[in-house]
PDB file of N, CA and C in Angstrom:
ATOM      1  N   MET A   1     167.919 108.949 -95.311  1.00  0.00           N
ATOM      2  CA  MET A   1     166.903 109.324 -95.442  1.00  0.00           C
ATOM      3  C   MET A   1     166.024 108.091 -96.118  1.00  0.00           C
ATOM      4  N   HIS A   2     165.015 107.287 -95.639  1.00  0.00           N
ATOM      5  CA  HIS A   2     164.506 106.313 -96.352  1.00  0.00           C
ATOM      6  C   HIS A   2     163.659 106.576 -97.746  1.00  0.00           C
ATOM      7  N   PHE A   3     163.529 105.575 -98.873  1.00  0.00           N
ATOM      8  CA  PHE A   3     163.548 106.032-100.041  1.00  0.00           C
ATOM      9  C   PHE A   3     161.994 106.482-100.307  1.00  0.00           C
ATOM     10  N   HIS A   4     160.862 106.024 -99.291  1.00  0.00           N
ATOM     11  CA  HIS A   4     159.665 106.143 -99.294  1.00  0.00           C
ATOM     12  C   HIS A   4     159.698 107.725 -98.915  1.00  0.00           C
ATOM     13  N   MET A   5     160.476 108.384 -98.351  1.00  0.00           N
ATOM     14  CA  MET A   5     160.120 109.673 -98.174  1.00  0.00           C
ATOM     15  C   MET A   5     160.197 110.550 -99.403  1.00  0.00           C
ATOM     16  N   TYR A   6     160.392 110.149-100.450  1.00  0.00           N
ATOM     17  CA  TYR A   6     160.504 110.847-101.837  1.00  0.00           C
ATOM     18  C   TYR A   6     159.396 110.807-102.171  1.00  0.00           C
ATOM     19  N   LEU A   7     158.822 111.994-102.997  1.00  0.00           N
ATOM     20  CA  LEU A   7     157.892 112.269-103.596  1.00  0.00           C
ATOM     21  C   LEU A   7     158.095 112.445-105.421  1.00  0.00           C
ATOM     22  N   ILE A   8     157.185 111.577-105.931  1.00  0.00           N
ATOM     23  CA  ILE A   8     156.959 111.549-107.359  1.00  0.00           C
ATOM     24  C   ILE A   8     155.850 112.034-107.887  1.00  0.00           C
ATOM     25  N   PHE A   9     155.808 113.081-108.658  1.00  0.00           N
ATOM     26  CA  PHE A   9     154.851 113.694-109.339  1.00  0.00           C
ATOM     27  C   PHE A   9     154.428 112.778-110.332  1.00  0.00           C
ATOM     28  N   ILE A  10     153.336 112.095-110.700  1.00  0.00           N
ATOM     29  CA  ILE A  10     152.867 111.239-111.611  1.00  0.00           C
ATOM     30  C   ILE A  10     151.847 112.138-112.624  1.00  0.00           C
ATOM     31  N   ARG A  11     152.510 112.668-113.690  1.00  0.00           N
ATOM     32  CA  ARG A  11     151.923 113.446-114.465  1.00  0.00           C
ATOM     33  C   ARG A  11     152.285 112.975-115.732  1.00  0.00           C
ATOM     34  N   THR A  12     153.069 112.277-115.940  1.00  0.00           N
ATOM     35  CA  THR A  12     153.630 111.809-117.305  1.00  0.00           C
ATOM     36  C   THR A  12     153.973 110.408-117.512  1.00  0.00           C
ATOM     37  N   ILE A  13     153.503 109.567-116.755  1.00  0.00           N
ATOM     38  CA  ILE A  13     153.666 107.724-116.486  1.00  0.00           C
ATOM     39  C   ILE A  13     152.288 107.625-116.785  1.00  0.00           C
ATOM     40  N   LEU A  14     152.139 107.110-117.859  1.00  0.00           N
ATOM     41  CA  LEU A  14     150.714 106.479-118.439  1.00  0.00           C
ATOM     42  C   LEU A  14     150.769 105.048-118.518  1.00  0.00           C
ATOM     43  N   GLU A  15     151.685 104.087-118.398  1.00  0.00           N
ATOM     44  CA  GLU A  15     151.876 102.721-118.563  1.00  0.00           C
ATOM     45  C   GLU A  15     151.966 101.855-117.278  1.00  0.00           C
ATOM     46  N   ARG A  16     150.975 101.212-117.121  1.00  0.00           N
ATOM     47  CA  ARG A  16     150.526 100.346-116.105  1.00  0.00           C
ATOM     48  C   ARG A  16     151.920  99.696-115.431  1.00  0.00           C
ATOM     49  N   ASP A  17     152.772  99.095-116.358  1.00  0.00           N
ATOM     50  CA  ASP A  17     153.651  98.628-115.722  1.00  0.00           C
ATOM     51  C   ASP A  17     155.023  99.559-115.156  1.00  0.00           C
ATOM     52  N   LYS A  18     155.129 100.614-115.712  1.00  0.00           N
ATOM     53  CA  LYS A  18     156.006 101.725-115.349  1.00  0.00           C
ATOM     54  C   LYS A  18     155.728 102.486-114.275  1.00  0.00           C
ATOM     55  N   LEU A  19     154.268 102.476-113.862  1.00  0.00           N
ATOM     56  CA  LEU A  19     153.646 102.830-112.743  1.00  0.00           C
ATOM     57  C   LEU A  19     153.783 102.161-111.533  1.00  0.00           C
ATOM     58  N   LEU A  20     153.542 100.721-111.986  1.00  0.00           N
ATOM     59  CA  LEU A  20     153.957  99.764-110.878  1.00  0.00           C
ATOM     60  C   LEU A  20     155.348  99.883-110.659  1.00  0.00           C
ATOM     61  N   GLU A  21     156.064 100.025-111.195  1.00  0.00           N
ATOM     62  CA  GLU A  21     157.852  99.952-111.105  1.00  0.00           C
ATOM     63  C   GLU A  21     157.776 101.043-110.076  1.00  0.00           C
ATOM     64  N   PHE A  22     157.324 102.141-110.462  1.00  0.00           N
ATOM     65  CA  PHE A  22     157.665 103.274-109.170  1.00  0.00           C
ATOM     66  C   PHE A  22     157.003 103.386-107.970  1.00  0.00           C
ATOM     67  N   ALA A  23     155.638 102.693-107.956  1.00  0.00           N
ATOM     68  CA  ALA A  23     154.786 102.348-106.882  1.00  0.00           C
ATOM     69  C   ALA A  23     155.770 101.372-105.762  1.00  0.00           C
ATOM     70  N   LYS A  24     156.102 100.108-106.419  1.00  0.00           N
ATOM     71  CA  LYS A  24     156.838  99.214-105.602  1.00  0.00           C
ATOM     72  C   LYS A  24     158.334  99.842-105.060  1.00  0.00           C
ATOM     73  N   LEU A  25     158.911 100.984-105.428  1.00  0.00           N
ATOM     74  CA  LEU A  25     159.830 101.750-105.011  1.00  0.00           C
ATOM     75  C   LEU A  25     159.684 102.188-103.347  1.00  0.00           C
ATOM     76  N   GLY A  26     158.288 102.251-103.107  1.00  0.00           N
ATOM     77  CA  GLY A  26     157.790 102.794-101.876  1.00  0.00           C
ATOM     78  C   GLY A  26     157.871 104.428-101.812  1.00  0.00           C
ATOM     79  N   SER A  27     157.765 105.060-102.880  1.00  0.00           N
ATOM     80  CA  SER A  27     157.697 106.513-102.797  1.00  0.00           C
ATOM     81  C   SER A  27     156.224 106.879-102.872  1.00  0.00           C
ATOM     82  N   TYR A  28     155.978 108.045-102.497  1.00  0.00           N
ATOM     83  CA  TYR A  28     154.963 108.454-102.657  1.00  0.00           C
ATOM     84  C   TYR A  28     154.843 109.160-103.884  1.00  0.00           C
ATOM     85  N   LEU A  29     153.338 108.452-104.594  1.00  0.00           N
ATOM     86  CA  LEU A  29     152.743 109.071-105.827  1.00  0.00           C
ATOM     87  C   LEU A  29     151.648 109.881-105.744  1.00  0.00           C
ATOM     88  N   GLU A  30     152.098 111.110-106.464  1.00  0.00           N
ATOM     89  CA  GLU A  30     151.207 112.330-105.958  1.00  0.00           C
ATOM     90  C   GLU A  30     150.761 112.863-107.253  1.00  0.00           C
ATOM     91  N   TYR A  31     148.853 112.834-107.190  1.00  0.00           N
ATOM     92  CA  TYR A  31     148.838 113.255-108.662  1.00  0.00           C
ATOM     93  C   TYR A  31     148.424 114.520-108.151  1.00  0.00           C
ATOM     94  N   ASP A  32     148.694 115.512-109.200  1.00  0.00           N
ATOM     95  CA  ASP A  32     148.252 116.840-109.232  1.00  0.00           C
ATOM     96  C   ASP A  32     147.604 116.969-110.159  1.00  0.00           C
ATOM     97  N   LEU A  33     147.307 118.919-110.269  1.00  0.00           N
ATOM     98  CA  LEU A  33     146.443 119.390-111.290  1.00  0.00           C
ATOM     99  C   LEU A  33     145.179 119.111-111.586  1.00  0.00           C
ATOM    100  N   PHE A  34     144.323 118.461-110.505  1.00  0.00           N
ATOM    101  CA  PHE A  34     143.303 118.168-110.538  1.00  0.00           C
ATOM    102  C   PHE A  34     142.105 119.550-110.989  1.00  0.00           C
ATOM    103  N   GLY A  35     141.427 119.398-111.998  1.00  0.00           N
ATOM    104  CA  GLY A  35     140.953 120.663-112.289  1.00  0.00           C
ATOM    105  C   GLY A  35     141.655 121.214-113.617  1.00  0.00           C
ATOM    106  N   VAL A  36     142.759 120.898-114.042  1.00  0.00           N
ATOM    107  CA  VAL A  36     143.543 121.502-115.166  1.00  0.00           C
ATOM    108  C   VAL A  36     143.213 120.507-116.133  1.00  0.00           C
ATOM    109  N   GLU A  37     142.644 120.740-117.552  1.00  0.00           N
ATOM    110  CA  GLU A  37     142.092 119.870-118.427  1.00  0.00           C
ATOM    111  C   GLU A  37     142.787 120.565-119.446  1.00  0.00           C
ATOM    112  N   LEU A  38     143.981 119.907-119.988  1.00  0.00           N
ATOM    113  CA  LEU A  38     144.603 120.562-120.930  1.00  0.00           C
ATOM    114  C   LEU A  38     145.013 118.927-122.001  1.00  0.00           C
ATOM    115  N   LEU A  39     145.216 119.477-123.030  1.00  0.00           N
ATOM    116  CA  LEU A  39     145.878 118.490-124.396  1.00  0.00           C
ATOM    117  C   LEU A  39     147.038 117.569-123.956  1.00  0.00           C
ATOM    118  N   ASN A  40     148.020 118.957-123.534  1.00  0.00           N
ATOM    119  CA  ASN A  40     149.205 117.871-123.565  1.00  0.00           C
ATOM    120  C   ASN A  40     150.059 118.780-122.423  1.00  0.00           C
ATOM    121  N   TYR A  41     151.452 117.756-121.916  1.00  0.00           N
ATOM    122  CA  TYR A  41     152.152 118.503-120.708  1.00  0.00           C
ATOM    123  C   TYR A  41     152.756 119.662-121.460  1.00  0.00           C
ATOM    124  N   ALA A  42     152.795 120.760-120.607  1.00  0.00           N
ATOM    125  CA  ALA A  42     153.496 121.898-121.459  1.00  0.00           C
ATOM    126  C   ALA A  42     155.121 121.729-121.331  1.00  0.00           C
ATOM    127  N   PHE A  43     155.360 120.908-120.743  1.00  0.00           N
ATOM    128  CA  PHE A  43     157.149 120.936-120.524  1.00  0.00           C
ATOM    129  C   PHE A  43     157.373 119.619-121.539  1.00  0.00           C
ATOM    130  N   CYS A  44     156.701 119.108-121.810  1.00  0.00           N
ATOM    131  CA  CYS A  44     156.822 117.890-122.832  1.00  0.00           C
ATOM    132  C   CYS A  44     155.485 117.759-123.690  1.00  0.00           C
ATOM    133  N   PRO A  45     155.379 118.411-125.004  1.00  0.00           N
ATOM    134  CA  PRO A  45     154.147 118.581-125.537  1.00  0.00           C
ATOM    135  C   PRO A  45     153.652 117.340-126.240  1.00  0.00           C
ATOM    136  N   VAL A  46     154.658 116.274-126.726  1.00  0.00           N
ATOM    137  CA  VAL A  46     154.367 114.897-127.119  1.00  0.00           C
ATOM    138  C   VAL A  46     153.538 114.227-125.807  1.00  0.00           C
ATOM    139  N   VAL A  47     153.682 114.281-124.811  1.00  0.00           N
ATOM    140  CA  VAL A  47     152.333 113.640-123.554  1.00  0.00           C
ATOM    141  C   VAL A  47     151.389 114.331-123.537  1.00  0.00           C
ATOM    142  N   ASP A  48     150.068 113.369-123.883  1.00  0.00           N
ATOM    143  CA  ASP A  48     149.045 113.533-123.417  1.00  0.00           C
ATOM    144  C   ASP A  48     148.996 113.728-121.908  1.00  0.00           C
ATOM    145  N   MET A  49     148.060 114.933-121.468  1.00  0.00           N
ATOM    146  CA  MET A  49     147.906 115.220-120.210  1.00  0.00           C
ATOM    147  C   MET A  49     146.391 114.711-119.691  1.00  0.00           C
ATOM    148  N   PRO A  50     146.588 113.765-118.844  1.00  0.00           N
ATOM    149  CA  PRO A  50     145.580 113.027-118.453  1.00  0.00           C
ATOM    150  C   PRO A  50     144.230 114.144-117.919  1.00  0.00           C
ATOM    151  N   CYS A  51     143.206 113.761-118.002  1.00  0.00           N
ATOM    152  CA  CYS A  51     142.122 114.399-117.505  1.00  0.00           C
ATOM    153  C   CYS A  51     141.681 114.126-116.100  1.00  0.00           C
ATOM    154  N   ASP A  52     140.776 114.408-115.258  1.00  0.00           N
ATOM    155  CA  ASP A  52     140.160 114.146-114.070  1.00  0.00           C
ATOM    156  C   ASP A  52     139.868 113.094-113.783  1.00  0.00           C
ATOM    157  N   ILE A  53     139.315 112.240-114.948  1.00  0.00           N
ATOM    158  CA  ILE A  53     138.380 110.845-114.858  1.00  0.00           C
ATOM    159  C   ILE A  53     139.717 110.365-114.962  1.00  0.00           C
ATOM    160  N   GLU A  54     140.685 110.188-115.500  1.00  0.00           N
ATOM    161  CA  GLU A  54     141.806 109.457-115.960  1.00  0.00           C
ATOM    162  C   GLU A  54     142.686 109.596-114.784  1.00  0.00           C
ATOM    163  N   ARG A  55     142.823 110.608-113.899  1.00  0.00           N
ATOM    164  CA  ARG A  55     143.736 110.444-112.530  1.00  0.00           C
ATOM    165  C   ARG A  55     142.969 109.812-111.615  1.00  0.00           C
ATOM    166  N   ILE A  56     141.458 109.652-111.746  1.00  0.00           N
ATOM    167  CA  ILE A  56     140.653 109.022-110.734  1.00  0.00           C
ATOM    168  C   ILE A  56     140.919 107.475-111.095  1.00  0.00           C
ATOM    169  N   ASN A  57     140.888 107.138-112.284  1.00  0.00           N
ATOM    170  CA  ASN A  57     140.971 105.821-112.494  1.00  0.00           C
ATOM    171  C   ASN A  57     142.674 105.136-112.290  1.00  0.00           C
ATOM    172  N   TRP A  58     143.476 106.202-112.505  1.00  0.00           N
ATOM    173  CA  TRP A  58     144.660 105.516-111.942  1.00  0.00           C
ATOM    174  C   TRP A  58     144.740 105.536-110.642  1.00  0.00           C
ATOM    175  N   ILE A  59     144.469 106.513-109.670  1.00  0.00           N
ATOM    176  CA  ILE A  59     144.113 106.294-108.408  1.00  0.00           C
ATOM    177  C   ILE A  59     143.434 105.106-107.972  1.00  0.00           C
ATOM    178  N   ARG A  60     142.376 104.700-108.868  1.00  0.00           N
ATOM    179  CA  ARG A  60     141.669 103.680-108.528  1.00  0.00           C
ATOM    180  C   ARG A  60     142.442 102.216-108.725  1.00  0.00           C
ATOM    181  N   PHE A  61     143.430 102.442-110.046  1.00  0.00           N
ATOM    182  CA  PHE A  61     144.245 101.332-110.113  1.00  0.00           C
ATOM    183  C   PHE A  61     145.140 100.813-109.107  1.00  0.00           C
ATOM    184  N   LEU A  62     145.752 102.239-108.613  1.00  0.00           N
ATOM    185  CA  LEU A  62     146.732 101.907-107.662  1.00  0.00           C
ATOM    186  C   LEU A  62     146.487 101.557-106.389  1.00  0.00           C
ATOM    187  N   THR A  63     145.359 101.935-105.887  1.00  0.00           N
ATOM    188  CA  THR A  63     144.596 101.742-104.797  1.00  0.00           C
ATOM    189  C   THR A  63     144.207  99.916-104.694  1.00  0.00           C
ATOM    190  N   ASP A  64     143.664  99.538-105.887  1.00  0.00           N
ATOM    191  CA  ASP A  64     143.275  97.644-106.182  1.00  0.00           C
ATOM    192  C   ASP A  64     144.194  97.366-106.241  1.00  0.00           C
ATOM    193  N   GLU A  65     145.824  97.833-106.488  1.00  0.00           N
ATOM    194  CA  GLU A  65     147.067  97.090-106.661  1.00  0.00           C
ATOM    195  C   GLU A  65     147.858  97.129-105.062  1.00  0.00           C
ATOM    196  N   GLY A  66     146.961  97.718-104.211  1.00  0.00           N
ATOM    197  CA  GLY A  66     147.662  97.835-102.694  1.00  0.00           C
ATOM    198  C   GLY A  66     148.672  99.272-102.283  1.00  0.00           C
ATOM    199  N   TYR A  67     148.306 100.251-103.271  1.00  0.00           N
ATOM    200  CA  TYR A  67     149.409 101.186-103.035  1.00  0.00           C
ATOM    201  C   TYR A  67     148.642 102.476-102.770  1.00  0.00           C
ATOM    202  N   GLY A  68     147.689 102.235-101.995  1.00  0.00           N
ATOM    203  CA  GLY A  68     146.904 103.316-101.327  1.00  0.00           C
ATOM    204  C   GLY A  68     147.651 103.881-100.066  1.00  0.00           C
ATOM    205  N   ASP A  69     148.492 103.550 -99.278  1.00  0.00           N
ATOM    206  CA  ASP A  69     149.564 104.154 -98.567  1.00  0.00           C
ATOM    207  C   ASP A  69     150.501 105.047 -99.289  1.00  0.00           C
ATOM    208  N   ASN A  70     150.581 104.942-100.639  1.00  0.00           N
ATOM    209  CA  ASN A  70     151.656 105.890-101.291  1.00  0.00           C
ATOM    210  C   ASN A  70     150.872 107.227-102.178  1.00  0.00           C
ATOM    211  N   LEU A  71     149.937 107.418-102.016  1.00  0.00           N
ATOM    212  CA  LEU A  71     149.000 108.211-103.032  1.00  0.00           C
ATOM    213  C   LEU A  71     148.791 109.808-102.127  1.00  0.00           C
ATOM    214  N   LEU A  72     148.967 110.230-103.143  1.00  0.00           N
ATOM    215  CA  LEU A  72     148.844 111.803-102.750  1.00  0.00           C
ATOM    216  C   LEU A  72     147.711 112.526-103.895  1.00  0.00           C
ATOM    217  N   MET A  73     146.961 113.454-103.282  1.00  0.00           N
ATOM    218  CA  MET A  73     146.400 114.498-104.611  1.00  0.00           C
ATOM    219  C   MET A  73     146.644 115.606-104.349  1.00  0.00           C
ATOM    220  N   ALA A  74     146.235 116.579-105.446  1.00  0.00           N
ATOM    221  CA  ALA A  74     146.427 117.838-105.113  1.00  0.00           C
ATOM    222  C   ALA A  74     145.699 118.837-106.209  1.00  0.00           C
ATOM    223  N   HIS A  75     145.756 120.072-106.258  1.00  0.00           N
ATOM    224  CA  HIS A  75     144.888 120.855-107.466  1.00  0.00           C
ATOM    225  C   HIS A  75     145.530 121.836-107.804  1.00  0.00           C
ATOM    226  N   ASP A  76     146.884 122.214-107.360  1.00  0.00           N
ATOM    227  CA  ASP A  76     147.546 123.414-107.617  1.00  0.00           C
ATOM    228  C   ASP A  76     146.811 124.721-108.103  1.00  0.00           C
ATOM    229  N   ILE A  77     146.278 125.081-107.102  1.00  0.00           N
ATOM    230  CA  ILE A  77     145.542 126.518-107.297  1.00  0.00           C
ATOM    231  C   ILE A  77     146.803 127.721-106.836  1.00  0.00           C
ATOM    232  N   HIS A  78     147.106 128.258-107.990  1.00  0.00           N
ATOM    233  CA  HIS A  78     148.144 128.851-107.965  1.00  0.00           C
ATOM    234  C   HIS A  78     148.337 130.125-108.897  1.00  0.00           C
ATOM    235  N   THR A  79     147.118 130.068-109.515  1.00  0.00           N
ATOM    236  CA  THR A  79     147.125 131.311-110.394  1.00  0.00           C
ATOM    237  C   THR A  79     145.409 132.041-110.039  1.00  0.00           C
ATOM    238  N   LYS A  80     145.535 133.083-110.309  1.00  0.00           N
ATOM    239  CA  LYS A  80     144.390 133.781-110.081  1.00  0.00           C
ATOM    240  C   LYS A  80     143.032 133.486-110.692  1.00  0.00           C
ATOM    241  N   ASN A  81     143.205 132.947-111.909  1.00  0.00           N
ATOM    242  CA  ASN A  81     142.319 132.628-112.728  1.00  0.00           C
ATOM    243  C   ASN A  81     141.482 131.091-112.424  1.00  0.00           C
ATOM    244  N   ARG A  82     142.376 130.502-111.021  1.00  0.00           N
ATOM    245  CA  ARG A  82     141.806 129.274-110.782  1.00  0.00           C
ATOM    246  C   ARG A  82     141.128 129.535-109.670  1.00  0.00           C
ATOM    247  N   LEU A  83     140.618 130.836-109.200  1.00  0.00           N
ATOM    248  CA  LEU A  83     139.846 130.900-107.841  1.00  0.00           C
ATOM    249  C   LEU A  83     138.390 131.115-108.164  1.00  0.00           C
ATOM    250  N   THR A  84     137.471 130.522-107.536  1.00  0.00           N
ATOM    251  CA  THR A  84     136.158 130.676-107.787  1.00  0.00           C
ATOM    252  C   THR A  84     135.872 132.192-108.471  1.00  0.00           C
ATOM    253  N   LYS A  85     136.430 133.160-107.467  1.00  0.00           N
ATOM    254  CA  LYS A  85     136.025 134.380-107.704  1.00  0.00           C
ATOM    255  C   LYS A  85     136.311 135.011-109.176  1.00  0.00           C
ATOM    256  N   TYR A  86     137.092 134.207-109.799  1.00  0.00           N
ATOM    257  CA  TYR A  86     137.509 134.513-111.178  1.00  0.00           C
ATOM    258  C   TYR A  86     137.105 133.785-112.193  1.00  0.00           C
ATOM    259  N   GLY A  87     136.133 132.712-111.657  1.00  0.00           N
ATOM    260  CA  GLY A  87     135.530 131.603-112.781  1.00  0.00           C
ATOM    261  C   GLY A  87     136.334 130.324-112.546  1.00  0.00           C
ATOM    262  N   GLY A  88     137.222 129.986-111.750  1.00  0.00           N
ATOM    263  CA  GLY A  88     137.850 128.684-111.689  1.00  0.00           C
ATOM    264  C   GLY A  88     137.404 127.976-111.043  1.00  0.00           C
ATOM    265  N   HIS A  89     137.858 126.470-110.625  1.00  0.00           N
ATOM    266  CA  HIS A  89     136.984 125.614-109.976  1.00  0.00           C
ATOM    267  C   HIS A  89     137.317 126.063-108.137  1.00  0.00           C
ATOM    268  N   GLY A  90     138.126 126.373-107.916  1.00  0.00           N
ATOM    269  CA  GLY A  90     138.535 126.999-106.513  1.00  0.00           C
ATOM    270  C   GLY A  90     139.118 125.993-105.781  1.00  0.00           C
ATOM    271  N   PHE A  91     139.468 126.118-104.573  1.00  0.00           N
ATOM    272  CA  PHE A  91     139.752 125.110-103.542  1.00  0.00           C
ATOM    273  C   PHE A  91     139.417 124.172-103.207  1.00  0.00           C
ATOM    274  N   SER A  92     138.052 124.017-103.370  1.00  0.00           N
ATOM    275  CA  SER A  92     137.060 123.169-102.831  1.00  0.00           C
ATOM    276  C   SER A  92     136.728 122.025-103.901  1.00  0.00           C
ATOM    277  N   HIS A  93     137.267 122.384-105.112  1.00  0.00           N
ATOM    278  CA  HIS A  93     137.350 121.251-106.508  1.00  0.00           C
ATOM    279  C   HIS A  93     137.756 119.658-105.888  1.00  0.00           C
ATOM    280  N   ILE A  94     138.581 119.246-105.399  1.00  0.00           N
ATOM    281  CA  ILE A  94     138.809 117.755-105.213  1.00  0.00           C
ATOM    282  C   ILE A  94     137.582 117.540-103.859  1.00  0.00           C
ATOM    283  N   LEU A  95     137.326 117.987-103.108  1.00  0.00           N
ATOM    284  CA  LEU A  95     136.331 117.738-102.043  1.00  0.00           C
ATOM    285  C   LEU A  95     134.731 117.548-102.828  1.00  0.00           C
ATOM    286  N   THR A  96     134.468 118.888-103.675  1.00  0.00           N
ATOM    287  CA  THR A  96     133.206 118.767-104.194  1.00  0.00           C
ATOM    288  C   THR A  96     132.973 118.040-105.227  1.00  0.00           C
ATOM    289  N   ASN A  97     133.898 117.904-106.154  1.00  0.00           N
ATOM    290  CA  ASN A  97     133.743 117.397-107.571  1.00  0.00           C
ATOM    291  C   ASN A  97     134.631 115.918-107.587  1.00  0.00           C
ATOM    292  N   ILE A  98     135.739 115.772-107.023  1.00  0.00           N
ATOM    293  CA  ILE A  98     136.457 114.831-107.344  1.00  0.00           C
ATOM    294  C   ILE A  98     136.125 113.483-106.476  1.00  0.00           C
ATOM    295  N   VAL A  99     136.110 113.655-104.939  1.00  0.00           N
ATOM    296  CA  VAL A  99     135.550 112.713-104.342  1.00  0.00           C
ATOM    297  C   VAL A  99     134.674 112.040-104.477  1.00  0.00           C
ATOM    298  N   PRO A 100     133.382 112.631-104.924  1.00  0.00           N
ATOM    299  CA  PRO A 100     131.986 112.165-105.404  1.00  0.00           C
ATOM    300  C   PRO A 100     132.376 111.120-106.513  1.00  0.00           C
ATOM    301  N   LYS A 101     133.189 111.493-107.391  1.00  0.00           N
ATOM    302  CA  LYS A 101     133.613 110.657-108.413  1.00  0.00           C
ATOM    303  C   LYS A 101     134.106 109.479-108.563  1.00  0.00           C
ATOM    304  N   MET A 102     135.172 109.868-107.355  1.00  0.00           N
ATOM    305  CA  MET A 102     136.150 108.239-106.838  1.00  0.00           C
ATOM    306  C   MET A 102     135.186 107.336-106.385  1.00  0.00           C
ATOM    307  N   LYS A 103     134.028 107.981-105.437  1.00  0.00           N
ATOM    308  CA  LYS A 103     133.019 106.871-104.806  1.00  0.00           C
ATOM    309  C   LYS A 103     132.355 106.528-106.081  1.00  0.00           C
ATOM    310  N   GLN A 104     131.929 107.096-106.991  1.00  0.00           N
ATOM    311  CA  GLN A 104     131.142 106.442-108.243  1.00  0.00           C
ATOM    312  C   GLN A 104     132.190 105.200-108.927  1.00  0.00           C
ATOM    313  N   ARG A 105     133.247 105.670-108.666  1.00  0.00           N
ATOM    314  CA  ARG A 105     134.599 104.666-109.615  1.00  0.00           C
ATOM    315  C   ARG A 105     134.787 103.496-108.743  1.00  0.00           C
ATOM    316  N   GLY A 106     134.174 103.486-107.253  1.00  0.00           N
ATOM    317  CA  GLY A 106     134.192 102.505-106.645  1.00  0.00           C
ATOM    318  C   GLY A 106     135.591 102.490-105.735  1.00  0.00           C
ATOM    319  N   ILE A 107     136.107 103.673-105.344  1.00  0.00           N
ATOM    320  CA  ILE A 107     137.176 103.673-104.414  1.00  0.00           C
ATOM    321  C   ILE A 107     136.377 103.850-103.105  1.00  0.00           C
ATOM    322  N   PRO A 108     136.677 103.351-102.014  1.00  0.00           N
ATOM    323  CA  PRO A 108     136.039 103.361-100.773  1.00  0.00           C
ATOM    324  C   PRO A 108     136.354 104.531-100.034  1.00  0.00           C
ATOM    325  N   GLN A 109     135.321 105.094 -99.036  1.00  0.00           N
ATOM    326  CA  GLN A 109     135.568 106.189 -98.277  1.00  0.00           C
ATOM    327  C   GLN A 109     136.990 105.833 -97.466  1.00  0.00           C
ATOM    328  N   SER A 110     137.239 104.520 -97.136  1.00  0.00           N
ATOM    329  CA  SER A 110     138.362 104.448 -96.355  1.00  0.00           C
ATOM    330  C   SER A 110     139.998 104.925 -96.926  1.00  0.00           C
ATOM    331  N   ALA A 111     139.754 104.751 -98.438  1.00  0.00           N
ATOM    332  CA  ALA A 111     140.524 104.819 -99.121  1.00  0.00           C
ATOM    333  C   ALA A 111     140.761 106.411 -99.594  1.00  0.00           C
ATOM    334  N   ILE A 112     140.083 106.519 -99.484  1.00  0.00           N
ATOM    335  CA  ILE A 112     139.630 108.143 -99.684  1.00  0.00           C
ATOM    336  C   ILE A 112     140.403 109.084 -98.746  1.00  0.00           C
ATOM    337  N   ASP A 113     139.905 108.747 -97.593  1.00  0.00           N
ATOM    338  CA  ASP A 113     140.233 109.262 -96.198  1.00  0.00           C
ATOM    339  C   ASP A 113     141.959 109.004 -95.943  1.00  0.00           C
ATOM    340  N   LYS A 114     142.583 107.935 -96.747  1.00  0.00           N
ATOM    341  CA  LYS A 114     143.965 107.489 -96.343  1.00  0.00           C
ATOM    342  C   LYS A 114     144.561 108.516 -97.213  1.00  0.00           C
ATOM    343  N   ILE A 115     144.381 108.741 -98.474  1.00  0.00           N
ATOM    344  CA  ILE A 115     144.619 109.625 -99.619  1.00  0.00           C
ATOM    345  C   ILE A 115     144.654 111.050 -99.329  1.00  0.00           C
ATOM    346  N   LEU A 116     143.341 111.575 -98.747  1.00  0.00           N
ATOM    347  CA  LEU A 116     143.433 112.965 -98.467  1.00  0.00           C
ATOM    348  C   LEU A 116     143.783 113.756 -96.802  1.00  0.00           C
ATOM    349  N   VAL A 117     143.867 112.464 -95.905  1.00  0.00           N
ATOM    350  CA  VAL A 117     144.234 112.784 -94.613  1.00  0.00           C
ATOM    351  C   VAL A 117     145.455 112.169 -94.045  1.00  0.00           C
ATOM    352  N   GLU A 118     145.400 110.822 -93.908  1.00  0.00           N
ATOM    353  CA  GLU A 118     146.450 110.323 -93.289  1.00  0.00           C
ATOM    354  C   GLU A 118     147.694 110.230 -94.148  1.00  0.00           C
ATOM    355  N   ASN A 119     147.839 110.066 -95.353  1.00  0.00           N
ATOM    356  CA  ASN A 119     149.101 109.791 -96.435  1.00  0.00           C
ATOM    357  C   ASN A 119     149.655 111.326 -96.072  1.00  0.00           C
ATOM    358  N   PRO A 120     149.053 112.305 -96.586  1.00  0.00           N
ATOM    359  CA  PRO A 120     149.613 113.706 -96.373  1.00  0.00           C
ATOM    360  C   PRO A 120     149.966 114.149 -94.960  1.00  0.00           C
ATOM    361  N   LYS A 121     149.328 113.674 -93.977  1.00  0.00           N
ATOM    362  CA  LYS A 121     150.040 113.663 -92.294  1.00  0.00           C
ATOM    363  C   LYS A 121     151.184 113.136 -92.423  1.00  0.00           C
ATOM    364  N   ARG A 122     151.097 111.605 -92.485  1.00  0.00           N
ATOM    365  CA  ARG A 122     152.594 111.161 -92.639  1.00  0.00           C
ATOM    366  C   ARG A 122     153.645 111.928 -93.391  1.00  0.00           C
ATOM    367  N   TRP A 123     153.298 112.132 -94.500  1.00  0.00           N
ATOM    368  CA  TRP A 123     154.506 112.663 -95.458  1.00  0.00           C
ATOM    369  C   TRP A 123     155.131 113.906 -94.607  1.00  0.00           C
ATOM    370  N   LEU A 124     154.189 114.862 -94.404  1.00  0.00           N
ATOM    371  CA  LEU A 124     154.649 116.138 -94.047  1.00  0.00           C
ATOM    372  C   LEU A 124     155.204 115.928 -92.461  1.00  0.00           C
ATOM    373  N   THR A 125     155.051 114.671 -91.869  1.00  0.00           N
ATOM    374  CA  THR A 125     155.480 114.832 -90.136  1.00  0.00           C
ATOM    375  C   THR A 125     156.500 113.820 -90.156  1.00  0.00           C
ATOM    376  N   PHE A 126     157.282 113.292 -91.168  1.00  0.00           N
ATOM    377  CA  PHE A 126     158.448 112.400 -91.342  1.00  0.00           C
ATOM    378  C   PHE A 126     159.604 112.894 -90.363  1.00  0.00           C
ATOM    379  N   LYS A 127     160.380 112.017 -90.224  1.00  0.00           N
ATOM    380  CA  LYS A 127     161.382 112.349 -89.454  1.00  0.00           C
ATOM    381  C   LYS A 127     162.700 111.917 -89.967  1.00  0.00           C
TER     382      LYS A 127
END
């Protein structure tokens, strides 16, 4: 298996040089938990949890550095309270709220399409 088939969840890497080190390996870098705004990471309370805007800024940084082919996004709708029926942001959060913010932050539509459509398709169909 080629190394680029691996998926690294980016929750706690908050230094540019370390992030670029992972990106250079060719792994997929997945930003998840969009819509989850917490003070710290539950499994490592000393690590501050990034908010949606910080996640967008990291995606912009990695896109600008040429790693747009390696990016994935998710929001982890896995509990009832995250559904719109129960007051949560729901499954449309990324498309309704995050994509417009990505555009405001200067991420081109072509990069957004790559992150949301082309990259997941390539990752999910690897052989």
